[in-house]
Amino acid sequence: MLRYRIHKQKWLNDMIDNSSISSQNAIIQLEKLIGIERRSDFSEANVSNDKADQIHCNALVMSEYAEEALNQIKCQLGYLPRREVTLPSEPAIRQLLFEYDHKHGNIDELFDSCNPYMDDIYKRDMRPHEIVDYSEVIYQQYNTLFPKLKDAARERIIKFAEYEPPLSLSVYAELKIRCWMAKSEINFNEIRTEADYEAQAILWFRKRIF
């Protein structure tokens, strides 16, 4: 427990003094603040054998459609959630893609058939945001995490939401956008990006439930 506390305090300190923190580390640490731990489910000691077997089976089912399934998820959601969120639904989506390929199916029917699984993925991805308000530490980051990008991220959120959301709804989404902007891997122009779709998904979810 003490080691965990020391470790947690270290990355909290990193978040506060983040002049040199990388954007990817910032994303990982932000996720930790809302309870998301990126891990390999295959190597976690606390995962039951039954769950590990199921995860392994999901990964192997129609593996030749694995990449196409992820592309389909990204296409329909606008962004690709972390793998532990998508994996439970991937076998069914791969099966639908197989049927589409071999039965010369209709593209609209494919999207319609995938919709229930996209809903499941979206709900799993949004579970960490099912809270009345974010922690104080999240709000502390609002003034310290990549502060030069604060206004640009806020403006982008407002632009695509088409209204000015209260910070209680958008604070995490804005911080996530800043991290993506700091990466400099995405051209943030007039076109909505994967990062924008993810941010708007979070904002829409929180607006709907609160």
Protein backbone atom coordinates (compact mmCIF):
# COMPACT_ATOMS: atom_id res chain seq x y z
CA MET A 1 0.00 0.00 0.00
CA LEU A 2 2.79 2.42 0.89
CA ARG A 3 4.57 1.71 -2.39
CA TYR A 4 1.33 2.43 -4.24
CA ARG A 5 0.92 5.72 -2.39
CA ILE A 6 4.49 6.76 -3.19
CA HIS A 7 4.02 5.78 -6.83
CA LYS A 8 0.69 7.63 -7.03
CA GLN A 9 2.16 10.73 -5.41
CA LYS A 10 5.01 10.69 -7.94
CA TRP A 11 2.75 10.84 -10.96
CA LEU A 12 0.52 13.41 -9.25
CA ASN A 13 3.63 15.54 -8.77
CA ASP A 14 4.54 14.97 -12.41
CA MET A 15 1.10 16.22 -13.41
CA ILE A 16 1.49 19.38 -11.33
CA ASP A 17 5.03 20.08 -12.54
CA ASN A 18 4.45 19.02 -16.13
CA SER A 19 6.67 21.34 -18.09
CA SER A 20 8.58 18.36 -19.46
CA ILE A 21 5.93 15.65 -19.32
CA SER A 22 5.24 13.92 -22.63
CA SER A 23 1.75 14.08 -24.06
CA GLN A 24 1.39 10.28 -23.99
CA ASN A 25 2.38 10.11 -20.33
CA ALA A 26 -0.06 12.92 -19.62
CA ILE A 27 -2.87 10.90 -21.21
CA ILE A 28 -1.97 7.81 -19.17
CA GLN A 29 -1.84 9.81 -15.96
CA LEU A 30 -5.12 11.59 -16.71
CA GLU A 31 -6.75 8.21 -17.22
CA LYS A 32 -5.42 7.03 -13.87
CA LEU A 33 -7.10 9.99 -12.20
CA ILE A 34 -10.51 8.68 -13.28
CA GLY A 35 -9.70 5.04 -12.51
CA ILE A 36 -8.50 3.79 -15.88
CA GLU A 37 -5.50 1.48 -15.70
CA ARG A 38 -4.14 0.43 -19.06
CA ARG A 39 -2.89 -3.11 -18.69
CA SER A 40 -2.38 -6.36 -20.48
CA ASP A 41 -5.23 -8.54 -19.30
CA PHE A 42 -3.19 -11.62 -20.20
CA SER A 43 -0.47 -10.82 -17.67
CA GLU A 44 -2.53 -9.55 -14.74
CA ALA A 45 -2.21 -11.83 -11.75
CA ASN A 46 -5.63 -10.84 -10.41
CA VAL A 47 -7.50 -11.93 -13.54
CA SER A 48 -9.33 -15.23 -13.08
CA ASN A 49 -8.50 -18.14 -15.34
CA ASP A 50 -12.02 -18.07 -16.79
CA LYS A 51 -11.73 -14.40 -17.69
CA ALA A 52 -8.24 -14.87 -19.12
CA ASP A 53 -9.53 -17.78 -21.23
CA GLN A 54 -12.41 -15.64 -22.52
CA ILE A 55 -10.09 -12.76 -23.39
CA HIS A 56 -7.76 -15.15 -25.18
CA CYS A 57 -10.66 -16.66 -27.13
CA ASN A 58 -11.96 -13.22 -28.10
CA ALA A 59 -8.54 -12.27 -29.41
CA LEU A 60 -8.31 -15.41 -31.55
CA VAL A 61 -11.82 -15.54 -33.02
CA MET A 62 -11.57 -14.80 -36.74
CA SER A 63 -8.27 -13.04 -36.13
CA GLU A 64 -7.90 -12.33 -39.85
CA TYR A 65 -10.62 -9.71 -39.36
CA ALA A 66 -9.04 -8.18 -36.25
CA GLU A 67 -7.72 -5.06 -37.96
CA GLU A 68 -10.87 -4.58 -40.03
CA ALA A 69 -12.98 -4.80 -36.87
CA LEU A 70 -10.94 -2.06 -35.20
CA ASN A 71 -11.27 0.06 -38.33
CA GLN A 72 -15.03 -0.48 -38.27
CA ILE A 73 -15.20 0.63 -34.63
CA LYS A 74 -13.16 3.74 -35.38
CA CYS A 75 -15.30 4.49 -38.41
CA GLN A 76 -18.60 4.26 -36.52
CA LEU A 77 -17.56 5.90 -33.25
CA GLY A 78 -15.17 8.39 -34.80
CA TYR A 79 -12.36 7.28 -32.50
CA LEU A 80 -10.86 4.03 -31.26
CA PRO A 81 -11.26 3.35 -27.52
CA ARG A 82 -8.63 1.43 -25.59
CA ARG A 83 -8.43 -2.28 -26.40
CA GLU A 84 -9.85 -3.63 -23.14
CA VAL A 85 -13.03 -1.72 -23.99
CA THR A 86 -13.36 -2.97 -27.58
CA LEU A 87 -12.23 -6.57 -27.18
CA PRO A 88 -15.46 -8.05 -25.70
CA SER A 89 -17.39 -6.93 -28.79
CA GLU A 90 -14.76 -7.65 -31.42
CA PRO A 91 -15.68 -11.29 -32.18
CA ALA A 92 -19.26 -10.35 -33.11
CA ILE A 93 -18.08 -7.45 -35.28
CA ARG A 94 -15.55 -9.71 -37.02
CA GLN A 95 -18.34 -12.19 -37.75
CA LEU A 96 -20.46 -9.45 -39.29
CA LEU A 97 -17.54 -8.33 -41.44
CA PHE A 98 -16.98 -11.93 -42.58
CA GLU A 99 -20.64 -12.24 -43.57
CA TYR A 100 -20.50 -8.91 -45.39
CA ASP A 101 -17.45 -10.06 -47.37
CA HIS A 102 -18.75 -13.50 -48.28
CA LYS A 103 -22.41 -12.69 -48.85
CA HIS A 104 -21.77 -9.45 -50.73
CA GLY A 105 -23.85 -7.63 -48.16
CA ASN A 106 -25.17 -4.10 -48.13
CA ILE A 107 -22.90 -1.54 -46.44
CA ASP A 108 -25.83 0.16 -44.70
CA GLU A 109 -26.97 -3.18 -43.31
CA LEU A 110 -23.45 -3.83 -42.04
CA PHE A 111 -23.40 -0.55 -40.14
CA ASP A 112 -26.89 -1.19 -38.76
CA SER A 113 -25.89 -4.67 -37.62
CA CYS A 114 -22.79 -3.30 -35.90
CA ASN A 115 -24.68 -0.53 -34.09
CA PRO A 116 -25.65 -2.56 -30.98
CA TYR A 117 -22.01 -3.56 -30.45
CA MET A 118 -20.88 0.03 -30.93
CA ASP A 119 -23.37 1.04 -28.25
CA ASP A 120 -21.88 -1.56 -25.90
CA ILE A 121 -18.34 -0.34 -26.58
CA TYR A 122 -19.35 3.27 -26.06
CA LYS A 123 -21.07 2.48 -22.75
CA ARG A 124 -18.00 0.60 -21.48
CA ASP A 125 -15.74 3.45 -22.57
CA MET A 126 -17.87 6.03 -20.74
CA ARG A 127 -18.13 4.19 -17.41
CA PRO A 128 -15.30 6.22 -15.78
CA HIS A 129 -17.29 9.37 -16.57
CA GLU A 130 -20.41 8.22 -14.71
CA ILE A 131 -19.63 10.54 -11.82
CA VAL A 132 -21.40 13.68 -10.65
CA ASP A 133 -18.17 15.63 -10.81
CA TYR A 134 -14.48 14.98 -11.39
CA SER A 135 -11.96 15.02 -8.57
CA GLU A 136 -10.22 18.18 -7.38
CA VAL A 137 -6.97 16.94 -8.93
CA ILE A 138 -8.57 16.99 -12.39
CA TYR A 139 -9.52 20.62 -11.89
CA GLN A 140 -6.00 21.41 -10.72
CA GLN A 141 -4.73 20.12 -14.06
CA TYR A 142 -6.97 22.57 -15.87
CA ASN A 143 -4.57 25.38 -15.04
CA THR A 144 -1.31 23.43 -15.15
CA LEU A 145 -1.46 20.81 -17.92
CA PHE A 146 -0.13 22.25 -21.18
CA PRO A 147 -1.50 25.68 -20.18
CA LYS A 148 -0.55 27.30 -23.50
CA LEU A 149 -3.14 25.06 -25.16
CA LYS A 150 -5.92 25.89 -22.69
CA ASP A 151 -7.77 28.42 -24.83
CA ALA A 152 -7.31 26.50 -28.08
CA ALA A 153 -8.70 23.29 -26.58
CA ARG A 154 -11.65 25.10 -25.01
CA GLU A 155 -12.46 26.87 -28.28
CA ARG A 156 -12.35 23.57 -30.16
CA ILE A 157 -14.73 21.92 -27.70
CA ILE A 158 -17.19 24.82 -28.05
CA LYS A 159 -16.90 24.85 -31.83
CA PHE A 160 -17.95 21.24 -32.34
CA ALA A 161 -20.41 21.12 -29.43
CA GLU A 162 -22.04 24.29 -30.78
CA TYR A 163 -22.54 25.63 -27.27
CA GLU A 164 -20.36 26.59 -24.30
CA PRO A 165 -20.51 23.70 -21.82
CA PRO A 166 -19.94 24.13 -18.09
CA LEU A 167 -16.52 22.99 -16.97
CA SER A 168 -18.06 20.18 -14.90
CA LEU A 169 -19.04 18.52 -18.18
CA SER A 170 -16.05 19.35 -20.33
CA VAL A 171 -12.97 19.58 -18.08
CA TYR A 172 -11.69 16.06 -18.81
CA ALA A 173 -12.50 16.31 -22.51
CA GLU A 174 -10.61 19.61 -22.71
CA LEU A 175 -7.57 18.16 -20.97
CA LYS A 176 -7.59 15.19 -23.32
CA ILE A 177 -7.72 17.51 -26.34
CA ARG A 178 -4.71 19.43 -24.98
CA CYS A 179 -2.74 16.19 -24.73
CA TRP A 180 -3.54 15.34 -28.34
CA MET A 181 -2.61 18.85 -29.45
CA ALA A 182 0.71 18.57 -27.63
CA LYS A 183 1.48 15.38 -29.56
CA SER A 184 1.65 17.34 -32.82
CA GLU A 185 0.66 14.16 -34.66
CA ILE A 186 -2.76 15.44 -35.66
CA ASN A 187 -3.46 18.45 -37.84
CA PHE A 188 -6.05 20.39 -35.85
CA ASN A 189 -7.67 22.42 -38.60
CA GLU A 190 -11.34 22.95 -39.47
CA ILE A 191 -12.01 19.23 -39.85
CA ARG A 192 -13.12 17.17 -36.86
CA THR A 193 -10.36 14.75 -35.80
CA GLU A 194 -10.36 11.47 -33.88
CA ALA A 195 -9.48 13.45 -30.75
CA ASP A 196 -12.47 15.74 -31.33
CA TYR A 197 -14.83 12.79 -31.71
CA GLU A 198 -13.60 11.29 -28.44
CA ALA A 199 -13.89 14.62 -26.60
CA GLN A 200 -17.40 15.20 -27.93
CA ALA A 201 -18.40 11.65 -26.99
CA ILE A 202 -17.39 12.33 -23.38
CA LEU A 203 -19.15 15.70 -23.37
CA TRP A 204 -22.35 14.31 -24.91
CA PHE A 205 -22.43 11.44 -22.42
CA ARG A 206 -22.02 13.71 -19.42
CA LYS A 207 -24.60 16.17 -20.72
CA ARG A 208 -27.09 13.35 -21.23
CA ILE A 209 -26.77 11.81 -17.76
CA PHE A 210 -26.38 15.04 -15.78
